[in-house]
């Protein structure tokens, strides 16, 4: 009899502990994002701030490029895709887009290059191979080496669309990330490339375009010509999970404006 009472008491205690633990814990949730490498800084700020306020939600970022991020949404392998360009008509058949920030595309050269300003026409002629020597645009007598992004890159799509060079550029290298372009230009005195404004650092020189230097202010007022949208991509007619919707709502609100500016981009709200 005593053994039965002791066993019953032990079981009651075990059940009480289990119930207390279950009530005290919050089920962990996750949000997966995939796409543009140019959005790395913006996403870093978004994720850090959001997860600090929502410690039970983990947000992941897979920097595969805009095209891959859009495809991941279509395939259902991520919650939110990231694109550094507007969606094409064919993509809008299955996806929705929301602009979260505006980014300037900086044209960069090696720090030893004496050229500091180019027109859109000159930039187009350089990347299509019509201009092949820096002396033709006021620089030294050196061959020009054009560095670009891979075909699926949103940065490449934006740059080529604005400069009118789609399917006409002649690249010495086509690289898979913004960081790789910065590295390649910084290590080659003859190189020219293009990257997100937020990714420009002191290892390269950003040049002015049509006399306008790329800054957040010149992107916002539209005087800097080479700019594009940073976009969240979601699947049409499909609901996000509760966690993914919370992250989406946060990143499309004015609460993130300070982080967008800190990343070198321009808020849209």
C-alpha atoms as a PDB file:
ATOM      1  CA  UNK A   1       0.000   0.000   0.000  1.00  0.00           C
ATOM      2  CA  UNK A   2       2.781   2.381   0.952  1.00  0.00           C
ATOM      3  CA  UNK A   3       4.645   1.517  -2.257  1.00  0.00           C
ATOM      4  CA  UNK A   4       1.561   2.337  -4.308  1.00  0.00           C
ATOM      5  CA  UNK A   5       1.177   5.701  -2.577  1.00  0.00           C
ATOM      6  CA  UNK A   6       4.859   6.543  -3.094  1.00  0.00           C
ATOM      7  CA  UNK A   7       4.642   5.582  -6.785  1.00  0.00           C
ATOM      8  CA  UNK A   8       1.536   7.713  -7.219  1.00  0.00           C
ATOM      9  CA  UNK A   9       3.243  10.661  -5.530  1.00  0.00           C
ATOM     10  CA  UNK A  10       6.311  10.334  -7.764  1.00  0.00           C
ATOM     11  CA  UNK A  11       4.176  10.188 -10.900  1.00  0.00           C
ATOM     12  CA  UNK A  12       2.259  13.270  -9.805  1.00  0.00           C
ATOM     13  CA  UNK A  13       5.514  15.175  -9.356  1.00  0.00           C
ATOM     14  CA  UNK A  14       6.798  14.058 -12.776  1.00  0.00           C
ATOM     15  CA  UNK A  15       3.582  15.164 -14.467  1.00  0.00           C
ATOM     16  CA  UNK A  16       3.695  18.504 -12.666  1.00  0.00           C
ATOM     17  CA  UNK A  17       7.273  19.141 -13.813  1.00  0.00           C
ATOM     18  CA  UNK A  18       6.393  18.199 -17.409  1.00  0.00           C
ATOM     19  CA  UNK A  19       3.397  20.494 -17.450  1.00  0.00           C
ATOM     20  CA  UNK A  20       5.423  23.368 -15.981  1.00  0.00           C
ATOM     21  CA  UNK A  21       8.176  22.876 -18.583  1.00  0.00           C
ATOM     22  CA  UNK A  22       5.714  22.711 -21.469  1.00  0.00           C
ATOM     23  CA  UNK A  23       3.949  25.860 -20.322  1.00  0.00           C
ATOM     24  CA  UNK A  24       7.190  27.748 -19.787  1.00  0.00           C
ATOM     25  CA  UNK A  25       8.712  27.008 -23.186  1.00  0.00           C
ATOM     26  CA  UNK A  26       7.901  28.706 -26.502  1.00  0.00           C
ATOM     27  CA  UNK A  27       8.213  26.547 -29.577  1.00  0.00           C
ATOM     28  CA  UNK A  28      11.142  27.682 -31.731  1.00  0.00           C
ATOM     29  CA  UNK A  29      10.227  28.984 -35.188  1.00  0.00           C
ATOM     30  CA  UNK A  30      12.319  29.728 -38.254  1.00  0.00           C
ATOM     31  CA  UNK A  31      12.180  31.928 -41.359  1.00  0.00           C
ATOM     32  CA  UNK A  32      14.305  31.150 -44.413  1.00  0.00           C
ATOM     33  CA  UNK A  33      15.370  33.833 -46.916  1.00  0.00           C
ATOM     34  CA  UNK A  34      17.300  33.235 -50.129  1.00  0.00           C
ATOM     35  CA  UNK A  35      18.660  35.440 -52.898  1.00  0.00           C
ATOM     36  CA  UNK A  36      20.513  38.665 -53.622  1.00  0.00           C
ATOM     37  CA  UNK A  37      24.089  38.944 -52.343  1.00  0.00           C
ATOM     38  CA  UNK A  38      23.813  42.738 -52.668  1.00  0.00           C
ATOM     39  CA  UNK A  39      21.221  42.742 -49.886  1.00  0.00           C
ATOM     40  CA  UNK A  40      23.638  41.208 -47.384  1.00  0.00           C
ATOM     41  CA  UNK A  41      24.125  44.371 -45.298  1.00  0.00           C
ATOM     42  CA  UNK A  42      20.439  45.272 -45.257  1.00  0.00           C
ATOM     43  CA  UNK A  43      19.490  41.713 -44.326  1.00  0.00           C
ATOM     44  CA  UNK A  44      22.129  41.627 -41.605  1.00  0.00           C
ATOM     45  CA  UNK A  45      20.554  44.633 -39.915  1.00  0.00           C
ATOM     46  CA  UNK A  46      17.007  43.336 -40.438  1.00  0.00           C
ATOM     47  CA  UNK A  47      17.784  39.901 -39.002  1.00  0.00           C
ATOM     48  CA  UNK A  48      19.728  41.132 -35.988  1.00  0.00           C
ATOM     49  CA  UNK A  49      17.091  43.676 -34.969  1.00  0.00           C
ATOM     50  CA  UNK A  50      14.157  41.329 -35.569  1.00  0.00           C
ATOM     51  CA  UNK A  51      15.653  38.364 -33.702  1.00  0.00           C
ATOM     52  CA  UNK A  52      16.580  40.591 -30.783  1.00  0.00           C
ATOM     53  CA  UNK A  53      12.901  41.503 -30.442  1.00  0.00           C
ATOM     54  CA  UNK A  54      11.737  37.946 -31.266  1.00  0.00           C
ATOM     55  CA  UNK A  55      14.206  35.530 -29.624  1.00  0.00           C
ATOM     56  CA  UNK A  56      11.959  32.544 -30.353  1.00  0.00           C
ATOM     57  CA  UNK A  57      12.293  33.081 -34.144  1.00  0.00           C
ATOM     58  CA  UNK A  58      15.449  32.307 -36.135  1.00  0.00           C
ATOM     59  CA  UNK A  59      15.885  33.992 -39.527  1.00  0.00           C
ATOM     60  CA  UNK A  60      18.385  32.531 -41.996  1.00  0.00           C
ATOM     61  CA  UNK A  61      19.866  34.140 -45.112  1.00  0.00           C
ATOM     62  CA  UNK A  62      21.245  32.182 -48.061  1.00  0.00           C
ATOM     63  CA  UNK A  63      23.124  34.524 -50.470  1.00  0.00           C
ATOM     64  CA  UNK A  64      22.659  32.707 -53.781  1.00  0.00           C
ATOM     65  CA  UNK A  65      21.828  35.613 -56.136  1.00  0.00           C
ATOM     66  CA  UNK A  66      18.536  37.215 -57.157  1.00  0.00           C
ATOM     67  CA  UNK A  67      17.601  34.641 -59.805  1.00  0.00           C
ATOM     68  CA  UNK A  68      18.161  31.744 -57.442  1.00  0.00           C
ATOM     69  CA  UNK A  69      16.193  33.439 -54.673  1.00  0.00           C
ATOM     70  CA  UNK A  70      13.206  34.000 -56.942  1.00  0.00           C
ATOM     71  CA  UNK A  71      13.360  30.377 -58.092  1.00  0.00           C
ATOM     72  CA  UNK A  72      13.525  29.208 -54.477  1.00  0.00           C
ATOM     73  CA  UNK A  73      10.221  30.977 -53.805  1.00  0.00           C
ATOM     74  CA  UNK A  74       8.671  29.384 -56.893  1.00  0.00           C
ATOM     75  CA  UNK A  75       9.955  25.958 -55.815  1.00  0.00           C
ATOM     76  CA  UNK A  76       8.785  26.479 -52.236  1.00  0.00           C
ATOM     77  CA  UNK A  77      12.256  25.967 -50.732  1.00  0.00           C
ATOM     78  CA  UNK A  78      12.351  29.289 -48.867  1.00  0.00           C
ATOM     79  CA  UNK A  79       9.850  31.608 -47.207  1.00  0.00           C
ATOM     80  CA  UNK A  80      10.990  34.929 -48.674  1.00  0.00           C
ATOM     81  CA  UNK A  81      13.120  35.528 -51.754  1.00  0.00           C
ATOM     82  CA  UNK A  82      15.457  38.496 -52.090  1.00  0.00           C
ATOM     83  CA  UNK A  83      15.992  40.280 -55.403  1.00  0.00           C
ATOM     84  CA  UNK A  84      18.052  43.360 -56.204  1.00  0.00           C
ATOM     85  CA  UNK A  85      15.829  44.125 -59.194  1.00  0.00           C
ATOM     86  CA  UNK A  86      12.154  44.293 -60.029  1.00  0.00           C
ATOM     87  CA  UNK A  87      10.540  41.031 -61.072  1.00  0.00           C
ATOM     88  CA  UNK A  88      10.036  40.270 -64.739  1.00  0.00           C
ATOM     89  CA  UNK A  89       6.534  39.793 -66.155  1.00  0.00           C
ATOM     90  CA  UNK A  90       7.017  36.024 -66.311  1.00  0.00           C
ATOM     91  CA  UNK A  91       8.045  35.941 -62.633  1.00  0.00           C
ATOM     92  CA  UNK A  92       5.082  38.088 -61.603  1.00  0.00           C
ATOM     93  CA  UNK A  93       2.780  35.329 -62.832  1.00  0.00           C
ATOM     94  CA  UNK A  94       3.747  33.220 -59.821  1.00  0.00           C
ATOM     95  CA  UNK A  95       5.322  35.719 -57.398  1.00  0.00           C
ATOM     96  CA  UNK A  96       4.529  39.001 -55.671  1.00  0.00           C
ATOM     97  CA  UNK A  97       7.159  41.680 -55.034  1.00  0.00           C
ATOM     98  CA  UNK A  98       7.481  44.311 -52.324  1.00  0.00           C
ATOM     99  CA  UNK A  99      10.129  47.028 -52.527  1.00  0.00           C
ATOM    100  CA  UNK A 100      11.876  47.353 -49.149  1.00  0.00           C
ATOM    101  CA  UNK A 101      14.688  49.786 -50.060  1.00  0.00           C
ATOM    102  CA  UNK A 102      16.361  51.620 -52.933  1.00  0.00           C
ATOM    103  CA  UNK A 103      20.023  51.038 -53.673  1.00  0.00           C
ATOM    104  CA  UNK A 104      22.504  52.830 -55.886  1.00  0.00           C
ATOM    105  CA  UNK A 105      24.738  50.744 -58.128  1.00  0.00           C
ATOM    106  CA  UNK A 106      28.205  52.229 -57.823  1.00  0.00           C
ATOM    107  CA  UNK A 107      30.673  52.025 -60.695  1.00  0.00           C
ATOM    108  CA  UNK A 108      34.040  51.226 -59.120  1.00  0.00           C
ATOM    109  CA  UNK A 109      37.648  51.395 -60.264  1.00  0.00           C
ATOM    110  CA  UNK A 110      40.996  50.617 -58.698  1.00  0.00           C
ATOM    111  CA  UNK A 111      42.218  53.245 -56.242  1.00  0.00           C
ATOM    112  CA  UNK A 112      45.205  53.970 -58.505  1.00  0.00           C
ATOM    113  CA  UNK A 113      42.920  54.946 -61.417  1.00  0.00           C
ATOM    114  CA  UNK A 114      42.865  58.681 -62.200  1.00  0.00           C
ATOM    115  CA  UNK A 115      39.437  58.594 -63.879  1.00  0.00           C
ATOM    116  CA  UNK A 116      36.831  59.980 -61.471  1.00  0.00           C
ATOM    117  CA  UNK A 117      33.764  60.642 -63.650  1.00  0.00           C
ATOM    118  CA  UNK A 118      32.102  58.948 -66.620  1.00  0.00           C
ATOM    119  CA  UNK A 119      28.909  59.498 -68.574  1.00  0.00           C
ATOM    120  CA  UNK A 120      26.340  56.752 -69.067  1.00  0.00           C
ATOM    121  CA  UNK A 121      27.363  56.549 -72.726  1.00  0.00           C
ATOM    122  CA  UNK A 122      31.026  56.140 -71.802  1.00  0.00           C
ATOM    123  CA  UNK A 123      30.204  53.432 -69.272  1.00  0.00           C
ATOM    124  CA  UNK A 124      28.112  51.611 -71.872  1.00  0.00           C
ATOM    125  CA  UNK A 125      30.890  51.862 -74.442  1.00  0.00           C
ATOM    126  CA  UNK A 126      33.436  50.527 -71.965  1.00  0.00           C
ATOM    127  CA  UNK A 127      31.385  47.494 -70.986  1.00  0.00           C
ATOM    128  CA  UNK A 128      30.419  46.646 -74.567  1.00  0.00           C
ATOM    129  CA  UNK A 129      34.049  46.786 -75.709  1.00  0.00           C
ATOM    130  CA  UNK A 130      33.818  49.931 -77.861  1.00  0.00           C
ATOM    131  CA  UNK A 131      36.202  51.754 -75.517  1.00  0.00           C
ATOM    132  CA  UNK A 132      39.110  49.509 -74.552  1.00  0.00           C
ATOM    133  CA  UNK A 133      41.759  51.857 -73.150  1.00  0.00           C
ATOM    134  CA  UNK A 134      41.582  54.228 -70.190  1.00  0.00           C
ATOM    135  CA  UNK A 135      43.259  56.962 -72.248  1.00  0.00           C
ATOM    136  CA  UNK A 136      40.052  57.210 -74.308  1.00  0.00           C
ATOM    137  CA  UNK A 137      38.190  58.569 -71.262  1.00  0.00           C
ATOM    138  CA  UNK A 138      40.919  60.779 -69.808  1.00  0.00           C
ATOM    139  CA  UNK A 139      42.940  58.171 -67.971  1.00  0.00           C
ATOM    140  CA  UNK A 140      46.334  56.575 -68.467  1.00  0.00           C
ATOM    141  CA  UNK A 141      47.345  54.504 -71.479  1.00  0.00           C
ATOM    142  CA  UNK A 142      46.232  51.179 -69.995  1.00  0.00           C
ATOM    143  CA  UNK A 143      43.839  48.468 -71.219  1.00  0.00           C
ATOM    144  CA  UNK A 144      40.425  48.350 -69.548  1.00  0.00           C
ATOM    145  CA  UNK A 145      39.394  45.149 -67.768  1.00  0.00           C
ATOM    146  CA  UNK A 146      35.626  44.835 -67.234  1.00  0.00           C
ATOM    147  CA  UNK A 147      34.447  42.899 -64.181  1.00  0.00           C
ATOM    148  CA  UNK A 148      30.773  41.924 -63.913  1.00  0.00           C
ATOM    149  CA  UNK A 149      28.318  39.629 -62.209  1.00  0.00           C
ATOM    150  CA  UNK A 150      26.875  36.322 -63.340  1.00  0.00           C
ATOM    151  CA  UNK A 151      23.829  36.246 -65.634  1.00  0.00           C
ATOM    152  CA  UNK A 152      21.295  35.672 -62.835  1.00  0.00           C
ATOM    153  CA  UNK A 153      22.496  38.622 -60.746  1.00  0.00           C
ATOM    154  CA  UNK A 154      20.026  41.380 -59.944  1.00  0.00           C
ATOM    155  CA  UNK A 155      22.891  43.864 -59.832  1.00  0.00           C
ATOM    156  CA  UNK A 156      23.898  42.928 -63.377  1.00  0.00           C
ATOM    157  CA  UNK A 157      20.296  43.128 -64.563  1.00  0.00           C
ATOM    158  CA  UNK A 158      19.886  46.585 -63.043  1.00  0.00           C
ATOM    159  CA  UNK A 159      23.212  47.877 -64.346  1.00  0.00           C
ATOM    160  CA  UNK A 160      22.699  46.579 -67.886  1.00  0.00           C
ATOM    161  CA  UNK A 161      19.103  47.807 -68.035  1.00  0.00           C
ATOM    162  CA  UNK A 162      20.012  51.345 -66.993  1.00  0.00           C
ATOM    163  CA  UNK A 163      23.087  51.568 -69.247  1.00  0.00           C
ATOM    164  CA  UNK A 164      21.337  49.921 -72.196  1.00  0.00           C
ATOM    165  CA  UNK A 165      23.908  47.140 -72.414  1.00  0.00           C
ATOM    166  CA  UNK A 166      21.780  44.022 -71.855  1.00  0.00           C
ATOM    167  CA  UNK A 167      23.253  40.990 -73.633  1.00  0.00           C
ATOM    168  CA  UNK A 168      26.007  43.214 -75.064  1.00  0.00           C
ATOM    169  CA  UNK A 169      28.591  43.442 -72.276  1.00  0.00           C
ATOM    170  CA  UNK A 170      32.037  41.950 -72.766  1.00  0.00           C
ATOM    171  CA  UNK A 171      33.364  40.808 -69.406  1.00  0.00           C
ATOM    172  CA  UNK A 172      36.845  39.616 -68.511  1.00  0.00           C
ATOM    173  CA  UNK A 173      35.317  38.002 -65.416  1.00  0.00           C
ATOM    174  CA  UNK A 174      31.736  37.199 -64.394  1.00  0.00           C
ATOM    175  CA  UNK A 175      31.679  36.718 -60.632  1.00  0.00           C
ATOM    176  CA  UNK A 176      29.050  35.289 -58.313  1.00  0.00           C
ATOM    177  CA  UNK A 177      29.048  37.827 -55.495  1.00  0.00           C
ATOM    178  CA  UNK A 178      29.370  41.527 -54.784  1.00  0.00           C
ATOM    179  CA  UNK A 179      32.372  40.894 -52.552  1.00  0.00           C
ATOM    180  CA  UNK A 180      34.178  39.065 -55.344  1.00  0.00           C
ATOM    181  CA  UNK A 181      33.738  42.057 -57.673  1.00  0.00           C
ATOM    182  CA  UNK A 182      35.151  44.448 -55.066  1.00  0.00           C
ATOM    183  CA  UNK A 183      38.102  42.124 -54.502  1.00  0.00           C
ATOM    184  CA  UNK A 184      38.803  41.721 -58.232  1.00  0.00           C
ATOM    185  CA  UNK A 185      38.725  45.469 -58.899  1.00  0.00           C
ATOM    186  CA  UNK A 186      40.851  46.260 -55.850  1.00  0.00           C
ATOM    187  CA  UNK A 187      43.573  43.879 -57.028  1.00  0.00           C
ATOM    188  CA  UNK A 188      43.691  44.990 -60.690  1.00  0.00           C
ATOM    189  CA  UNK A 189      44.816  48.574 -61.584  1.00  0.00           C
ATOM    190  CA  UNK A 190      43.057  48.314 -64.976  1.00  0.00           C
ATOM    191  CA  UNK A 191      39.709  47.038 -63.709  1.00  0.00           C
ATOM    192  CA  UNK A 192      36.247  48.552 -63.636  1.00  0.00           C
ATOM    193  CA  UNK A 193      33.149  46.959 -62.118  1.00  0.00           C
ATOM    194  CA  UNK A 194      29.795  47.685 -60.509  1.00  0.00           C
ATOM    195  CA  UNK A 195      28.476  46.862 -57.033  1.00  0.00           C
ATOM    196  CA  UNK A 196      25.792  47.843 -54.571  1.00  0.00           C
ATOM    197  CA  UNK A 197      26.540  51.257 -53.080  1.00  0.00           C
ATOM    198  CA  UNK A 198      26.439  49.717 -49.606  1.00  0.00           C
ATOM    199  CA  UNK A 199      29.334  47.420 -50.550  1.00  0.00           C
ATOM    200  CA  UNK A 200      31.812  50.145 -51.551  1.00  0.00           C
ATOM    201  CA  UNK A 201      34.782  50.296 -49.192  1.00  0.00           C
ATOM    202  CA  UNK A 202      38.185  51.980 -49.108  1.00  0.00           C
ATOM    203  CA  UNK A 203      39.840  49.258 -51.215  1.00  0.00           C
ATOM    204  CA  UNK A 204      38.182  50.659 -54.360  1.00  0.00           C
ATOM    205  CA  UNK A 205      37.075  54.049 -55.695  1.00  0.00           C
ATOM    206  CA  UNK A 206      33.481  54.823 -56.646  1.00  0.00           C
ATOM    207  CA  UNK A 207      33.295  57.271 -59.548  1.00  0.00           C
ATOM    208  CA  UNK A 208      30.658  59.891 -60.245  1.00  0.00           C
ATOM    209  CA  UNK A 209      28.254  59.379 -63.141  1.00  0.00           C
ATOM    210  CA  UNK A 210      27.278  62.401 -65.236  1.00  0.00           C
ATOM    211  CA  UNK A 211      28.933  64.513 -62.532  1.00  0.00           C
ATOM    212  CA  UNK A 212      26.859  63.029 -59.679  1.00  0.00           C
ATOM    213  CA  UNK A 213      28.551  60.964 -56.972  1.00  0.00           C
ATOM    214  CA  UNK A 214      26.571  58.001 -55.570  1.00  0.00           C
ATOM    215  CA  UNK A 215      25.260  58.702 -52.059  1.00  0.00           C
ATOM    216  CA  UNK A 216      22.044  57.965 -50.206  1.00  0.00           C
ATOM    217  CA  UNK A 217      20.896  61.534 -50.868  1.00  0.00           C
ATOM    218  CA  UNK A 218      21.567  61.450 -54.629  1.00  0.00           C
ATOM    219  CA  UNK A 219      19.863  58.059 -54.890  1.00  0.00           C
ATOM    220  CA  UNK A 220      16.812  59.334 -52.991  1.00  0.00           C
ATOM    221  CA  UNK A 221      16.442  62.517 -55.028  1.00  0.00           C
ATOM    222  CA  UNK A 222      17.014  60.619 -58.279  1.00  0.00           C
ATOM    223  CA  UNK A 223      20.003  62.635 -59.464  1.00  0.00           C
ATOM    224  CA  UNK A 224      22.256  59.589 -59.408  1.00  0.00           C
ATOM    225  CA  UNK A 225      21.240  57.668 -62.506  1.00  0.00           C
ATOM    226  CA  UNK A 226      22.258  54.083 -61.750  1.00  0.00           C
ATOM    227  CA  UNK A 227      19.918  52.803 -59.049  1.00  0.00           C
ATOM    228  CA  UNK A 228      17.577  49.862 -58.472  1.00  0.00           C
ATOM    229  CA  UNK A 229      15.097  48.424 -55.985  1.00  0.00           C
ATOM    230  CA  UNK A 230      15.724  45.865 -53.255  1.00  0.00           C
ATOM    231  CA  UNK A 231      12.733  43.529 -53.283  1.00  0.00           C
ATOM    232  CA  UNK A 232      11.126  40.906 -51.046  1.00  0.00           C
ATOM    233  CA  UNK A 233       9.639  38.098 -53.149  1.00  0.00           C
ATOM    234  CA  UNK A 234       6.752  35.912 -51.971  1.00  0.00           C
ATOM    235  CA  UNK A 235       4.681  33.260 -53.687  1.00  0.00           C
ATOM    236  CA  UNK A 236       1.426  34.491 -55.161  1.00  0.00           C
ATOM    237  CA  UNK A 237      -1.780  33.216 -53.524  1.00  0.00           C
ATOM    238  CA  UNK A 238       0.208  31.519 -50.753  1.00  0.00           C
ATOM    239  CA  UNK A 239       0.185  32.490 -47.074  1.00  0.00           C
ATOM    240  CA  UNK A 240       3.419  32.928 -45.173  1.00  0.00           C
ATOM    241  CA  UNK A 241       3.923  31.144 -41.881  1.00  0.00           C
ATOM    242  CA  UNK A 242       3.180  33.185 -38.773  1.00  0.00           C
ATOM    243  CA  UNK A 243       6.907  33.744 -38.183  1.00  0.00           C
ATOM    244  CA  UNK A 244       7.640  34.633 -41.809  1.00  0.00           C
ATOM    245  CA  UNK A 245       4.709  37.057 -41.895  1.00  0.00           C
ATOM    246  CA  UNK A 246       5.972  38.727 -38.719  1.00  0.00           C
ATOM    247  CA  UNK A 247       9.427  39.182 -40.291  1.00  0.00           C
ATOM    248  CA  UNK A 248       7.913  40.448 -43.551  1.00  0.00           C
ATOM    249  CA  UNK A 249       5.711  42.970 -41.721  1.00  0.00           C
ATOM    250  CA  UNK A 250       8.655  44.200 -39.673  1.00  0.00           C
ATOM    251  CA  UNK A 251      10.959  44.668 -42.677  1.00  0.00           C
ATOM    252  CA  UNK A 252       8.323  46.532 -44.701  1.00  0.00           C
ATOM    253  CA  UNK A 253       7.510  48.986 -41.909  1.00  0.00           C
ATOM    254  CA  UNK A 254       9.117  52.321 -41.062  1.00  0.00           C
ATOM    255  CA  UNK A 255      10.689  50.642 -38.016  1.00  0.00           C
ATOM    256  CA  UNK A 256      13.608  49.501 -40.188  1.00  0.00           C
ATOM    257  CA  UNK A 257      14.381  52.859 -41.814  1.00  0.00           C
ATOM    258  CA  UNK A 258      17.380  53.504 -39.577  1.00  0.00           C
ATOM    259  CA  UNK A 259      18.836  50.103 -40.489  1.00  0.00           C
ATOM    260  CA  UNK A 260      18.314  50.666 -44.212  1.00  0.00           C
ATOM    261  CA  UNK A 261      20.158  53.973 -43.932  1.00  0.00           C
ATOM    262  CA  UNK A 262      22.921  52.374 -41.854  1.00  0.00           C
ATOM    263  CA  UNK A 263      23.391  49.856 -44.673  1.00  0.00           C
ATOM    264  CA  UNK A 264      23.914  52.708 -47.142  1.00  0.00           C
ATOM    265  CA  UNK A 265      20.523  52.411 -48.825  1.00  0.00           C
ATOM    266  CA  UNK A 266      17.392  54.554 -49.007  1.00  0.00           C
ATOM    267  CA  UNK A 267      14.111  53.714 -47.185  1.00  0.00           C
ATOM    268  CA  UNK A 268      10.866  53.653 -49.165  1.00  0.00           C
ATOM    269  CA  UNK A 269       8.484  54.146 -46.211  1.00  0.00           C
END
